[in-house]
């Protein structure tokens, strides 16, 4: 048995509860996108976010756990670098069925890539 996000699973079932997704945000236009796609009647609690910034300036990305909702996290990724945020306990999504979205400013800088991992939890 393995415990993830406060839930205990047999090892063979665990794979179905861990979500991973990648998102690229270009520097022009103040782009936004789904960091983790919405799942009906499911919470998606963040385990880890990795950001890579290809530009020569630091970029701050805003994360929301509901499309157009309140900013829950702001992550600053240094210029031409990668940074990893790991949560000691899963960072909880406030409502079920929504997508985690990421937005970056219209700074004209290079591309920011985000790799996210979450544990899904039925409502």
C-alpha atoms as a PDB file:
ATOM      1  CA  UNK A   1       0.000   0.000   0.000  1.00  0.00           C
ATOM      2  CA  UNK A   2       1.099   3.556  -0.719  1.00  0.00           C
ATOM      3  CA  UNK A   3      -0.209   6.833   0.742  1.00  0.00           C
ATOM      4  CA  UNK A   4      -0.426   9.910  -1.530  1.00  0.00           C
ATOM      5  CA  UNK A   5      -2.329  13.084  -0.779  1.00  0.00           C
ATOM      6  CA  UNK A   6      -3.837  11.580   2.377  1.00  0.00           C
ATOM      7  CA  UNK A   7      -5.261   8.606   0.457  1.00  0.00           C
ATOM      8  CA  UNK A   8      -3.990   5.017   0.687  1.00  0.00           C
ATOM      9  CA  UNK A   9      -3.846   2.923  -2.488  1.00  0.00           C
ATOM     10  CA  UNK A  10      -2.626  -0.481  -3.584  1.00  0.00           C
ATOM     11  CA  UNK A  11       0.570   0.081  -5.629  1.00  0.00           C
ATOM     12  CA  UNK A  12      -1.068  -0.993  -8.922  1.00  0.00           C
ATOM     13  CA  UNK A  13      -3.904   1.566  -8.537  1.00  0.00           C
ATOM     14  CA  UNK A  14      -1.696   4.527  -7.646  1.00  0.00           C
ATOM     15  CA  UNK A  15      -0.732   5.227 -11.261  1.00  0.00           C
ATOM     16  CA  UNK A  16      -4.324   6.216 -12.114  1.00  0.00           C
ATOM     17  CA  UNK A  17      -4.399   8.892  -9.393  1.00  0.00           C
ATOM     18  CA  UNK A  18      -1.271  10.816 -10.326  1.00  0.00           C
ATOM     19  CA  UNK A  19      -1.794  13.419 -13.060  1.00  0.00           C
ATOM     20  CA  UNK A  20       0.941  15.031 -15.140  1.00  0.00           C
ATOM     21  CA  UNK A  21       0.651  17.718 -17.766  1.00  0.00           C
ATOM     22  CA  UNK A  22       2.865  20.155 -19.668  1.00  0.00           C
ATOM     23  CA  UNK A  23       2.049  23.704 -20.760  1.00  0.00           C
ATOM     24  CA  UNK A  24       4.041  26.227 -22.783  1.00  0.00           C
ATOM     25  CA  UNK A  25       3.328  29.951 -22.532  1.00  0.00           C
ATOM     26  CA  UNK A  26       4.757  32.315 -25.170  1.00  0.00           C
ATOM     27  CA  UNK A  27       5.928  35.783 -24.106  1.00  0.00           C
ATOM     28  CA  UNK A  28       3.676  37.862 -26.338  1.00  0.00           C
ATOM     29  CA  UNK A  29       0.065  38.711 -25.611  1.00  0.00           C
ATOM     30  CA  UNK A  30      -0.078  37.897 -21.893  1.00  0.00           C
ATOM     31  CA  UNK A  31      -0.835  34.231 -22.529  1.00  0.00           C
ATOM     32  CA  UNK A  32      -2.800  31.831 -20.334  1.00  0.00           C
ATOM     33  CA  UNK A  33      -3.568  28.124 -20.530  1.00  0.00           C
ATOM     34  CA  UNK A  34      -4.671  25.048 -18.633  1.00  0.00           C
ATOM     35  CA  UNK A  35      -1.832  23.753 -16.507  1.00  0.00           C
ATOM     36  CA  UNK A  36      -4.027  20.795 -15.467  1.00  0.00           C
ATOM     37  CA  UNK A  37      -7.193  20.087 -17.454  1.00  0.00           C
ATOM     38  CA  UNK A  38     -10.473  20.054 -15.522  1.00  0.00           C
ATOM     39  CA  UNK A  39     -11.841  16.681 -14.370  1.00  0.00           C
ATOM     40  CA  UNK A  40     -15.547  16.338 -13.583  1.00  0.00           C
ATOM     41  CA  UNK A  41     -16.229  15.827  -9.856  1.00  0.00           C
ATOM     42  CA  UNK A  42     -12.510  15.592  -9.027  1.00  0.00           C
ATOM     43  CA  UNK A  43     -10.106  17.696  -7.009  1.00  0.00           C
ATOM     44  CA  UNK A  44      -6.567  18.051  -8.354  1.00  0.00           C
ATOM     45  CA  UNK A  45      -4.197  18.772  -5.487  1.00  0.00           C
ATOM     46  CA  UNK A  46      -0.743  19.918  -6.628  1.00  0.00           C
ATOM     47  CA  UNK A  47       2.268  17.811  -5.735  1.00  0.00           C
ATOM     48  CA  UNK A  48       4.902  19.603  -7.809  1.00  0.00           C
ATOM     49  CA  UNK A  49       5.386  22.300 -10.452  1.00  0.00           C
ATOM     50  CA  UNK A  50       8.544  22.672 -12.515  1.00  0.00           C
ATOM     51  CA  UNK A  51       9.071  25.810 -14.572  1.00  0.00           C
ATOM     52  CA  UNK A  52      11.622  26.479 -17.289  1.00  0.00           C
ATOM     53  CA  UNK A  53      12.201  29.999 -18.569  1.00  0.00           C
ATOM     54  CA  UNK A  54      14.013  30.416 -21.911  1.00  0.00           C
ATOM     55  CA  UNK A  55      14.141  34.224 -21.756  1.00  0.00           C
ATOM     56  CA  UNK A  56      16.876  36.513 -20.480  1.00  0.00           C
ATOM     57  CA  UNK A  57      14.580  38.052 -17.815  1.00  0.00           C
ATOM     58  CA  UNK A  58      12.838  36.490 -14.825  1.00  0.00           C
ATOM     59  CA  UNK A  59       9.147  35.717 -15.433  1.00  0.00           C
ATOM     60  CA  UNK A  60       6.385  35.456 -12.804  1.00  0.00           C
ATOM     61  CA  UNK A  61       3.553  33.045 -13.573  1.00  0.00           C
ATOM     62  CA  UNK A  62       0.183  33.281 -11.782  1.00  0.00           C
ATOM     63  CA  UNK A  63      -1.657  30.040 -10.983  1.00  0.00           C
ATOM     64  CA  UNK A  64      -5.407  29.786 -10.424  1.00  0.00           C
ATOM     65  CA  UNK A  65      -7.267  26.640  -9.399  1.00  0.00           C
ATOM     66  CA  UNK A  66     -10.451  27.730 -11.192  1.00  0.00           C
ATOM     67  CA  UNK A  67     -10.459  29.408 -14.613  1.00  0.00           C
ATOM     68  CA  UNK A  68     -10.596  33.191 -14.088  1.00  0.00           C
ATOM     69  CA  UNK A  69     -10.549  32.641 -10.309  1.00  0.00           C
ATOM     70  CA  UNK A  70      -8.373  34.144  -7.592  1.00  0.00           C
ATOM     71  CA  UNK A  71      -4.608  33.793  -7.967  1.00  0.00           C
ATOM     72  CA  UNK A  72      -3.520  31.025  -5.560  1.00  0.00           C
ATOM     73  CA  UNK A  73       0.219  31.033  -6.281  1.00  0.00           C
ATOM     74  CA  UNK A  74       2.719  33.277  -8.025  1.00  0.00           C
ATOM     75  CA  UNK A  75       5.869  31.505  -9.155  1.00  0.00           C
ATOM     76  CA  UNK A  76       8.922  33.449 -10.307  1.00  0.00           C
ATOM     77  CA  UNK A  77      11.197  31.563 -12.676  1.00  0.00           C
ATOM     78  CA  UNK A  78      14.704  33.044 -12.990  1.00  0.00           C
ATOM     79  CA  UNK A  79      16.102  34.044 -16.398  1.00  0.00           C
ATOM     80  CA  UNK A  80      17.357  31.149 -18.546  1.00  0.00           C
ATOM     81  CA  UNK A  81      16.745  28.734 -15.680  1.00  0.00           C
ATOM     82  CA  UNK A  82      14.512  26.046 -14.298  1.00  0.00           C
ATOM     83  CA  UNK A  83      12.945  25.986 -10.856  1.00  0.00           C
ATOM     84  CA  UNK A  84      11.030  23.266  -9.005  1.00  0.00           C
ATOM     85  CA  UNK A  85       8.321  23.770  -6.374  1.00  0.00           C
ATOM     86  CA  UNK A  86       7.506  20.649  -4.320  1.00  0.00           C
ATOM     87  CA  UNK A  87       4.760  20.724  -1.745  1.00  0.00           C
ATOM     88  CA  UNK A  88       5.348  18.829   1.523  1.00  0.00           C
ATOM     89  CA  UNK A  89       1.628  18.147   1.592  1.00  0.00           C
ATOM     90  CA  UNK A  90      -0.516  18.441  -1.536  1.00  0.00           C
ATOM     91  CA  UNK A  91      -1.526  22.041  -2.290  1.00  0.00           C
ATOM     92  CA  UNK A  92      -5.307  21.712  -2.257  1.00  0.00           C
ATOM     93  CA  UNK A  93      -7.609  22.837  -5.031  1.00  0.00           C
ATOM     94  CA  UNK A  94     -10.439  24.928  -3.548  1.00  0.00           C
ATOM     95  CA  UNK A  95     -13.285  23.514  -5.654  1.00  0.00           C
ATOM     96  CA  UNK A  96     -13.772  20.342  -7.646  1.00  0.00           C
ATOM     97  CA  UNK A  97     -14.163  20.081 -11.408  1.00  0.00           C
ATOM     98  CA  UNK A  98     -12.001  23.076 -12.355  1.00  0.00           C
ATOM     99  CA  UNK A  99      -8.763  23.390 -14.278  1.00  0.00           C
ATOM    100  CA  UNK A 100      -5.541  24.757 -12.826  1.00  0.00           C
ATOM    101  CA  UNK A 101      -4.626  27.655 -15.119  1.00  0.00           C
ATOM    102  CA  UNK A 102      -1.379  29.554 -15.568  1.00  0.00           C
ATOM    103  CA  UNK A 103      -1.002  33.134 -16.809  1.00  0.00           C
ATOM    104  CA  UNK A 104       2.121  35.098 -17.606  1.00  0.00           C
ATOM    105  CA  UNK A 105       2.496  38.803 -18.323  1.00  0.00           C
ATOM    106  CA  UNK A 106       2.797  40.311 -21.781  1.00  0.00           C
ATOM    107  CA  UNK A 107       6.541  40.838 -21.447  1.00  0.00           C
ATOM    108  CA  UNK A 108       7.645  39.795 -24.927  1.00  0.00           C
ATOM    109  CA  UNK A 109      10.216  37.467 -23.401  1.00  0.00           C
ATOM    110  CA  UNK A 110      10.832  33.851 -24.479  1.00  0.00           C
ATOM    111  CA  UNK A 111       8.777  30.786 -23.725  1.00  0.00           C
ATOM    112  CA  UNK A 112       7.972  29.494 -20.244  1.00  0.00           C
ATOM    113  CA  UNK A 113       7.335  25.762 -19.929  1.00  0.00           C
ATOM    114  CA  UNK A 114       5.465  24.354 -16.930  1.00  0.00           C
ATOM    115  CA  UNK A 115       5.373  20.702 -15.941  1.00  0.00           C
ATOM    116  CA  UNK A 116       2.849  19.934 -13.235  1.00  0.00           C
ATOM    117  CA  UNK A 117       2.005  16.889 -11.170  1.00  0.00           C
ATOM    118  CA  UNK A 118      -1.079  16.469  -9.025  1.00  0.00           C
ATOM    119  CA  UNK A 119      -3.025  13.799  -7.229  1.00  0.00           C
ATOM    120  CA  UNK A 120      -6.677  13.511  -8.151  1.00  0.00           C
ATOM    121  CA  UNK A 121      -9.229  13.011  -5.433  1.00  0.00           C
ATOM    122  CA  UNK A 122     -12.916  12.220  -6.040  1.00  0.00           C
ATOM    123  CA  UNK A 123     -15.378  14.770  -4.677  1.00  0.00           C
END
